[in-house]
Each structure stands twice: as C-alpha cells, then as structure tokens.
C-alpha cells in the first residue's frame, strides 16, 4: 500500500507541467529513503535522526554519528527498532541526545546498545533497551 502511494507521488512530481523537476529526480534517485526505518545512519553535527516503523523494522544497520560531530539528536519512535549483532546499535558523540520509545538492542559478547559522548543524554521513554535504563546523562 505504501509503495502505491510513493509511486503515485512520483508520477505527480514527474509530470511535464510539474514545477518540481528537482524533486522528481531526487525521488527516483533514492526511493528507498521513504521506506527506511531510520532516515540517517551517519548523522553529522546538528542533524536529527528519526527511526520509524517503515520497512525494514527493526533496522539492522548500526547508527553511528560522524566522527567529531556534536549536537546530534536520535529519536526511536514507538514500535520502531534498531537491532544489530555484535556491535554498538547507536553511537553519538558529545552534546547529543538519544530518546528511545521503541527498542534498541545489540547481541554478542562485545555489543553495546547505546554509546554516548560527553554531555550527552539518553532517555528511555517507554522503550526497550538492553540493558534497561530510564535516563542517563554522560
């Protein structure tokens, strides 16, 4: 159903009389962006990541902020998830925020659910986080 709506939107944007040819090209170049669980997997300084319930859910790609980035916000929405293997599921650097309302998990001997840089905050608001934490500030 969601793919039909996306295809219909692309047809509207790509009409010859459309005033948005750039949007048409962008929608064709990255159609998977509308379906991704998390909209950014390597956020830069000041970016906000939103992880929703679109396919694939849970996301199996680790979310790691760009090196030396700061002020990154990660929001895992209700019923959304990030589930990775033997690695860190979510890693942010200094002065960043992670809010989990869904689930964040990693498995394996060396795995870490969430890694926070200095002056960062993790809020586990009615979400599943392994190990269980409600609020953590580093």
N, C-alpha and C. Protein backbone atom coordinates (compact mmCIF):
# COMPACT_ATOMS: atom_id res chain seq x y z
N UNK A 1 0.82 -1.18 0.00
CA UNK A 1 0.00 0.00 0.00
C UNK A 1 0.87 1.25 0.00
N UNK A 2 1.91 1.25 0.84
CA UNK A 2 2.80 2.40 0.92
C UNK A 2 3.53 2.63 -0.40
N UNK A 3 3.92 1.54 -1.08
CA UNK A 3 4.61 1.66 -2.36
C UNK A 3 3.70 2.29 -3.41
N UNK A 4 2.41 1.98 -3.38
CA UNK A 4 1.48 2.59 -4.33
C UNK A 4 1.41 4.10 -4.14
N UNK A 5 1.38 4.53 -2.88
CA UNK A 5 1.33 5.97 -2.61
C UNK A 5 2.61 6.66 -3.07
N UNK A 6 3.74 5.99 -2.87
CA UNK A 6 5.02 6.56 -3.31
C UNK A 6 5.05 6.66 -4.83
N UNK A 7 4.61 5.59 -5.51
CA UNK A 7 4.59 5.60 -6.98
C UNK A 7 3.67 6.70 -7.49
N UNK A 8 2.51 6.88 -6.86
CA UNK A 8 1.58 7.94 -7.27
C UNK A 8 2.20 9.32 -7.09
N UNK A 9 2.90 9.51 -5.98
CA UNK A 9 3.56 10.80 -5.73
C UNK A 9 4.64 11.07 -6.77
N UNK A 10 5.39 10.04 -7.14
CA UNK A 10 6.44 10.21 -8.16
C UNK A 10 5.81 10.58 -9.49
N UNK A 11 4.69 9.93 -9.85
CA UNK A 11 4.03 10.26 -11.11
C UNK A 11 3.58 11.72 -11.12
N UNK A 12 3.04 12.22 -10.01
CA UNK A 12 2.59 13.61 -9.93
C UNK A 12 3.78 14.56 -10.05
N UNK A 13 4.86 14.27 -9.34
CA UNK A 13 6.04 15.14 -9.37
C UNK A 13 6.73 15.14 -10.72
N UNK A 14 6.63 14.04 -11.45
CA UNK A 14 7.37 13.91 -12.71
C UNK A 14 6.56 14.28 -13.94
N UNK A 15 5.37 14.83 -13.76
CA UNK A 15 4.59 15.28 -14.91
C UNK A 15 5.34 16.39 -15.62
N UNK A 16 5.21 16.47 -16.94
CA UNK A 16 5.92 17.52 -17.68
C UNK A 16 5.57 18.93 -17.21
N UNK A 17 4.33 19.17 -16.78
CA UNK A 17 3.93 20.50 -16.35
C UNK A 17 4.29 20.78 -14.89
N UNK A 18 4.91 19.80 -14.22
CA UNK A 18 5.26 19.97 -12.81
C UNK A 18 6.33 21.04 -12.65
N UNK A 19 6.22 21.80 -11.58
CA UNK A 19 7.20 22.84 -11.28
C UNK A 19 8.33 22.32 -10.39
N UNK A 20 8.36 21.02 -10.16
CA UNK A 20 9.35 20.47 -9.24
C UNK A 20 10.19 19.37 -9.89
N UNK A 21 10.89 19.64 -10.98
CA UNK A 21 11.70 18.60 -11.62
C UNK A 21 12.83 18.10 -10.72
N UNK A 22 13.34 18.94 -9.85
CA UNK A 22 14.40 18.50 -8.94
C UNK A 22 13.88 17.45 -7.98
N UNK A 23 12.68 17.66 -7.44
CA UNK A 23 12.07 16.66 -6.55
C UNK A 23 11.84 15.36 -7.29
N UNK A 24 11.47 15.45 -8.54
CA UNK A 24 11.28 14.24 -9.34
C UNK A 24 12.57 13.45 -9.42
N UNK A 25 13.65 14.11 -9.73
CA UNK A 25 14.94 13.42 -9.82
C UNK A 25 15.36 12.84 -8.49
N UNK A 26 15.16 13.58 -7.41
CA UNK A 26 15.54 13.07 -6.09
C UNK A 26 14.71 11.86 -5.69
N UNK A 27 13.42 11.86 -6.01
CA UNK A 27 12.57 10.74 -5.63
C UNK A 27 12.93 9.48 -6.40
N UNK A 28 13.39 9.63 -7.62
CA UNK A 28 13.81 8.47 -8.41
C UNK A 28 15.19 7.99 -7.96
N UNK A 29 16.06 8.91 -7.61
CA UNK A 29 17.43 8.56 -7.22
C UNK A 29 17.49 7.81 -5.90
N UNK A 30 16.60 8.12 -4.95
CA UNK A 30 16.64 7.47 -3.64
C UNK A 30 15.25 7.03 -3.19
N UNK A 31 14.60 6.12 -3.90
CA UNK A 31 13.26 5.72 -3.49
C UNK A 31 13.25 4.99 -2.15
N UNK A 32 14.36 4.35 -1.76
CA UNK A 32 14.40 3.62 -0.50
C UNK A 32 14.36 4.55 0.70
N UNK A 33 14.65 5.82 0.54
CA UNK A 33 14.66 6.74 1.67
C UNK A 33 13.29 6.83 2.33
N UNK A 34 12.24 6.71 1.55
CA UNK A 34 10.90 6.78 2.12
C UNK A 34 10.56 5.53 2.92
N UNK A 35 11.29 4.46 2.71
CA UNK A 35 10.98 3.20 3.37
C UNK A 35 11.91 2.89 4.53
N UNK A 36 12.99 3.61 4.66
CA UNK A 36 13.99 3.29 5.67
C UNK A 36 13.45 3.47 7.07
N UNK A 37 13.85 2.57 7.98
CA UNK A 37 13.45 2.70 9.37
C UNK A 37 14.03 3.98 9.96
N UNK A 38 15.33 4.20 9.79
CA UNK A 38 15.97 5.43 10.26
C UNK A 38 16.33 6.27 9.03
N UNK A 39 16.05 7.56 9.09
CA UNK A 39 16.28 8.37 7.91
C UNK A 39 17.74 8.73 7.67
N UNK A 40 18.60 8.63 8.69
CA UNK A 40 20.04 8.90 8.56
C UNK A 40 20.76 7.88 9.44
N UNK A 41 21.79 7.23 8.91
CA UNK A 41 22.55 6.28 9.72
C UNK A 41 23.91 6.83 10.16
N UNK A 42 24.38 7.92 9.54
CA UNK A 42 25.65 8.55 9.93
C UNK A 42 25.44 10.05 10.04
N UNK A 43 24.70 10.51 11.06
CA UNK A 43 24.39 11.93 11.17
C UNK A 43 25.61 12.80 11.45
N UNK A 44 25.58 14.00 10.89
CA UNK A 44 26.63 14.99 11.11
C UNK A 44 26.17 15.96 12.20
N UNK A 45 27.02 16.91 12.53
CA UNK A 45 26.71 17.89 13.57
C UNK A 45 25.37 18.56 13.33
N UNK A 46 24.54 18.59 14.39
CA UNK A 46 23.26 19.28 14.34
C UNK A 46 22.12 18.53 13.68
N UNK A 47 22.37 17.34 13.16
CA UNK A 47 21.31 16.61 12.47
C UNK A 47 20.43 15.84 13.45
N UNK A 48 19.18 15.63 13.04
CA UNK A 48 18.23 14.83 13.81
C UNK A 48 17.89 13.58 13.02
N UNK A 49 18.00 12.44 13.68
CA UNK A 49 17.66 11.14 13.10
C UNK A 49 16.33 10.71 13.67
N UNK A 50 15.42 10.26 12.81
CA UNK A 50 14.16 9.71 13.27
C UNK A 50 14.05 8.28 12.75
N UNK A 51 13.83 7.35 13.68
CA UNK A 51 13.64 5.95 13.32
C UNK A 51 12.17 5.63 13.51
N UNK A 52 11.49 5.28 12.42
CA UNK A 52 10.07 4.99 12.45
C UNK A 52 9.80 3.52 12.19
N UNK A 53 8.56 3.23 11.84
CA UNK A 53 8.14 1.84 11.68
C UNK A 53 8.15 1.35 10.24
N UNK A 54 8.66 2.17 9.31
CA UNK A 54 8.75 1.72 7.92
C UNK A 54 9.72 0.56 7.78
N UNK A 55 9.57 -0.17 6.68
CA UNK A 55 10.44 -1.32 6.44
C UNK A 55 11.86 -0.86 6.11
N UNK A 56 12.87 -1.53 6.53
CA UNK A 56 12.83 -2.69 7.41
C UNK A 56 12.74 -2.27 8.88
N UNK A 57 11.93 -2.97 9.62
CA UNK A 57 11.78 -2.68 11.05
C UNK A 57 11.86 -4.00 11.80
N UNK A 58 12.84 -4.20 12.64
CA UNK A 58 13.83 -3.22 13.09
C UNK A 58 14.94 -3.01 12.05
N UNK A 59 15.57 -1.85 12.15
CA UNK A 59 16.74 -1.58 11.32
C UNK A 59 17.87 -2.48 11.79
N UNK A 60 18.64 -3.00 10.87
CA UNK A 60 19.77 -3.86 11.24
C UNK A 60 21.11 -3.19 10.96
N UNK A 61 21.06 -1.93 10.55
CA UNK A 61 22.26 -1.14 10.31
C UNK A 61 22.56 -0.31 11.56
N UNK A 62 23.78 -0.38 12.09
CA UNK A 62 24.11 0.45 13.25
C UNK A 62 24.01 1.93 12.91
N UNK A 63 23.62 2.73 13.88
CA UNK A 63 23.53 4.17 13.71
C UNK A 63 24.74 4.78 14.41
N UNK A 64 25.65 5.38 13.65
CA UNK A 64 26.89 5.93 14.21
C UNK A 64 27.08 7.36 13.72
N UNK A 65 27.11 8.30 14.66
CA UNK A 65 27.33 9.70 14.30
C UNK A 65 28.69 9.87 13.63
N UNK A 66 28.78 10.83 12.73
CA UNK A 66 30.03 11.11 12.04
C UNK A 66 31.12 11.47 13.05
N UNK A 67 32.37 11.13 12.77
CA UNK A 67 33.46 11.46 13.69
C UNK A 67 33.47 12.96 14.02
N UNK A 68 33.66 13.27 15.28
CA UNK A 68 33.76 14.64 15.79
C UNK A 68 32.46 15.43 15.69
N UNK A 69 31.37 14.80 15.31
CA UNK A 69 30.09 15.53 15.26
C UNK A 69 29.58 15.77 16.67
N UNK A 70 28.79 16.81 16.83
CA UNK A 70 28.18 17.14 18.12
C UNK A 70 26.72 17.52 17.87
N UNK A 71 25.95 17.61 18.96
CA UNK A 71 24.57 18.08 18.89
C UNK A 71 23.72 17.25 17.93
N UNK A 72 23.87 15.93 18.00
CA UNK A 72 23.06 15.02 17.20
C UNK A 72 21.88 14.57 18.05
N UNK A 73 20.70 14.50 17.46
CA UNK A 73 19.51 14.01 18.14
C UNK A 73 19.02 12.75 17.45
N UNK A 74 18.78 11.70 18.24
CA UNK A 74 18.25 10.44 17.71
C UNK A 74 16.92 10.16 18.41
N UNK A 75 15.86 9.95 17.62
CA UNK A 75 14.54 9.63 18.15
C UNK A 75 14.09 8.29 17.59
N UNK A 76 13.97 7.29 18.45
CA UNK A 76 13.42 5.99 18.05
C UNK A 76 11.95 6.02 18.48
N UNK A 77 11.05 6.05 17.51
CA UNK A 77 9.63 6.22 17.77
C UNK A 77 8.98 4.94 18.29
N UNK A 78 7.78 5.04 18.89
CA UNK A 78 7.09 3.84 19.37
C UNK A 78 6.92 2.79 18.27
N UNK A 79 7.14 1.55 18.61
CA UNK A 79 7.05 0.39 17.71
C UNK A 79 8.18 0.32 16.69
N UNK A 80 9.11 1.27 16.71
CA UNK A 80 10.27 1.22 15.82
C UNK A 80 11.41 0.54 16.57
N UNK A 81 12.40 0.07 15.82
CA UNK A 81 13.51 -0.58 16.50
C UNK A 81 14.80 -0.57 15.71
N UNK A 82 15.89 -0.75 16.46
CA UNK A 82 17.22 -0.95 15.90
C UNK A 82 17.74 -2.22 16.57
N UNK A 83 18.07 -3.23 15.79
CA UNK A 83 18.57 -4.49 16.33
C UNK A 83 19.79 -4.91 15.50
N UNK A 84 20.95 -4.90 16.14
CA UNK A 84 22.19 -5.23 15.43
C UNK A 84 22.87 -6.41 16.11
N UNK A 85 23.87 -6.94 15.46
CA UNK A 85 24.62 -8.07 16.01
C UNK A 85 25.66 -7.63 17.01
N UNK A 86 26.87 -8.13 16.86
CA UNK A 86 27.95 -7.91 17.81
C UNK A 86 28.64 -6.56 17.56
N UNK A 87 27.90 -5.49 17.78
CA UNK A 87 28.41 -4.13 17.56
C UNK A 87 27.55 -3.16 18.38
N UNK A 88 27.86 -1.88 18.31
CA UNK A 88 27.08 -0.86 19.00
C UNK A 88 25.88 -0.48 18.14
N UNK A 89 24.68 -0.49 18.71
CA UNK A 89 23.47 -0.17 17.95
C UNK A 89 23.38 1.32 17.63
N UNK A 90 23.62 2.19 18.64
CA UNK A 90 23.55 3.64 18.46
C UNK A 90 24.77 4.26 19.12
N UNK A 91 25.53 5.05 18.37
CA UNK A 91 26.71 5.73 18.92
C UNK A 91 26.66 7.21 18.54
N UNK A 92 26.66 8.07 19.55
CA UNK A 92 26.69 9.52 19.32
C UNK A 92 27.87 10.12 20.08
N UNK A 93 28.28 11.28 19.65
CA UNK A 93 29.40 11.97 20.28
C UNK A 93 28.90 13.02 21.26
N UNK A 94 29.71 13.99 21.58
CA UNK A 94 29.42 14.98 22.62
C UNK A 94 28.15 15.78 22.36
N UNK A 95 27.51 16.17 23.46
CA UNK A 95 26.36 17.07 23.47
C UNK A 95 25.23 16.59 22.57
N UNK A 96 24.96 15.29 22.62
CA UNK A 96 23.92 14.69 21.79
C UNK A 96 22.82 14.10 22.65
N UNK A 97 21.69 13.76 22.02
CA UNK A 97 20.54 13.22 22.73
C UNK A 97 20.00 12.00 22.00
N UNK A 98 19.68 10.96 22.77
CA UNK A 98 19.02 9.77 22.24
C UNK A 98 17.75 9.56 23.04
N UNK A 99 16.60 9.50 22.36
CA UNK A 99 15.33 9.21 23.01
C UNK A 99 14.78 7.93 22.40
N UNK A 100 14.56 6.94 23.25
CA UNK A 100 14.07 5.64 22.79
C UNK A 100 12.64 5.42 23.28
N UNK A 101 11.70 5.34 22.34
CA UNK A 101 10.32 4.99 22.65
C UNK A 101 9.96 3.65 22.02
N UNK A 102 10.93 3.03 21.35
CA UNK A 102 10.72 1.74 20.69
C UNK A 102 11.63 0.70 21.30
N UNK A 103 12.58 0.19 20.50
CA UNK A 103 13.55 -0.76 21.05
C UNK A 103 14.90 -0.58 20.39
N UNK A 104 15.94 -0.68 21.21
CA UNK A 104 17.33 -0.63 20.75
C UNK A 104 18.01 -1.84 21.37
N UNK A 105 18.58 -2.70 20.53
CA UNK A 105 19.25 -3.88 21.07
C UNK A 105 20.44 -4.28 20.21
N UNK A 106 21.40 -4.90 20.86
CA UNK A 106 22.54 -5.48 20.18
C UNK A 106 22.87 -6.78 20.89
N UNK A 107 23.38 -7.74 20.14
CA UNK A 107 23.68 -9.04 20.71
C UNK A 107 25.15 -9.36 20.50
N UNK A 108 25.68 -10.19 21.34
CA UNK A 108 27.07 -10.60 21.20
C UNK A 108 27.90 -10.17 22.39
N UNK A 109 29.05 -10.80 22.53
CA UNK A 109 29.91 -10.57 23.69
C UNK A 109 30.43 -9.14 23.78
N UNK A 110 30.70 -8.51 22.65
CA UNK A 110 31.29 -7.16 22.65
C UNK A 110 30.27 -6.09 22.28
N UNK A 111 29.00 -6.40 22.35
CA UNK A 111 28.00 -5.44 21.88
C UNK A 111 27.62 -4.42 22.95
N UNK A 112 27.24 -3.24 22.47
CA UNK A 112 26.79 -2.14 23.32
C UNK A 112 25.51 -1.60 22.69
N UNK A 113 24.46 -1.41 23.50
CA UNK A 113 23.21 -0.88 22.97
C UNK A 113 23.35 0.56 22.51
N UNK A 114 23.77 1.45 23.43
CA UNK A 114 23.92 2.88 23.12
C UNK A 114 25.23 3.37 23.71
N UNK A 115 26.02 4.06 22.89
CA UNK A 115 27.27 4.68 23.33
C UNK A 115 27.11 6.19 23.25
N UNK A 116 27.35 6.87 24.39
CA UNK A 116 27.17 8.32 24.46
C UNK A 116 28.50 9.03 24.66
N UNK A 117 28.67 10.17 23.98
CA UNK A 117 29.82 11.02 24.22
C UNK A 117 29.57 11.93 25.42
N UNK A 118 30.55 12.77 25.73
CA UNK A 118 30.46 13.68 26.88
C UNK A 118 29.25 14.61 26.76
N UNK A 119 28.63 14.90 27.90
CA UNK A 119 27.49 15.82 27.97
C UNK A 119 26.33 15.40 27.08
N UNK A 120 26.13 14.10 26.92
CA UNK A 120 25.03 13.57 26.12
C UNK A 120 23.99 12.94 27.04
N UNK A 121 22.76 12.80 26.53
CA UNK A 121 21.66 12.28 27.33
C UNK A 121 20.94 11.16 26.60
N UNK A 122 20.63 10.10 27.35
CA UNK A 122 19.80 9.00 26.86
C UNK A 122 18.52 8.98 27.68
N UNK A 123 17.37 9.05 27.01
CA UNK A 123 16.08 8.93 27.68
C UNK A 123 15.37 7.71 27.12
N UNK A 124 15.08 6.76 27.98
CA UNK A 124 14.37 5.55 27.58
C UNK A 124 12.92 5.71 27.99
N UNK A 125 12.13 6.32 27.13
CA UNK A 125 10.74 6.67 27.43
C UNK A 125 9.81 5.56 26.94
N UNK A 126 9.51 4.62 27.79
CA UNK A 126 8.61 3.52 27.48
C UNK A 126 9.12 2.67 26.32
N UNK A 127 10.43 2.56 26.21
CA UNK A 127 11.01 1.74 25.16
C UNK A 127 11.78 0.57 25.74
N UNK A 128 12.21 -0.34 24.88
CA UNK A 128 13.02 -1.48 25.29
C UNK A 128 14.47 -1.18 24.97
N UNK A 129 15.30 -1.25 25.98
CA UNK A 129 16.72 -1.00 25.81
C UNK A 129 17.46 -2.05 26.62
N UNK A 130 18.39 -2.69 25.98
CA UNK A 130 19.19 -3.70 26.69
C UNK A 130 20.57 -3.16 26.94
N UNK A 131 21.00 -3.03 28.19
CA UNK A 131 20.27 -3.26 29.44
C UNK A 131 19.28 -2.13 29.72
N UNK A 132 18.34 -2.39 30.61
CA UNK A 132 17.26 -1.43 30.90
C UNK A 132 17.78 -0.20 31.62
N UNK A 133 17.52 0.97 31.06
CA UNK A 133 17.93 2.27 31.63
C UNK A 133 16.78 3.23 31.36
N UNK A 134 16.45 4.10 32.31
CA UNK A 134 15.39 5.07 32.03
C UNK A 134 15.96 6.39 31.54
N UNK A 135 16.91 6.98 32.25
CA UNK A 135 17.56 8.22 31.80
C UNK A 135 19.02 8.18 32.22
N UNK A 136 19.89 8.56 31.31
CA UNK A 136 21.32 8.55 31.58
C UNK A 136 21.93 9.78 30.95
N UNK A 137 22.73 10.50 31.71
CA UNK A 137 23.46 11.65 31.18
C UNK A 137 24.94 11.40 31.38
N UNK A 138 25.71 11.58 30.33
CA UNK A 138 27.16 11.37 30.41
C UNK A 138 27.85 12.71 30.41
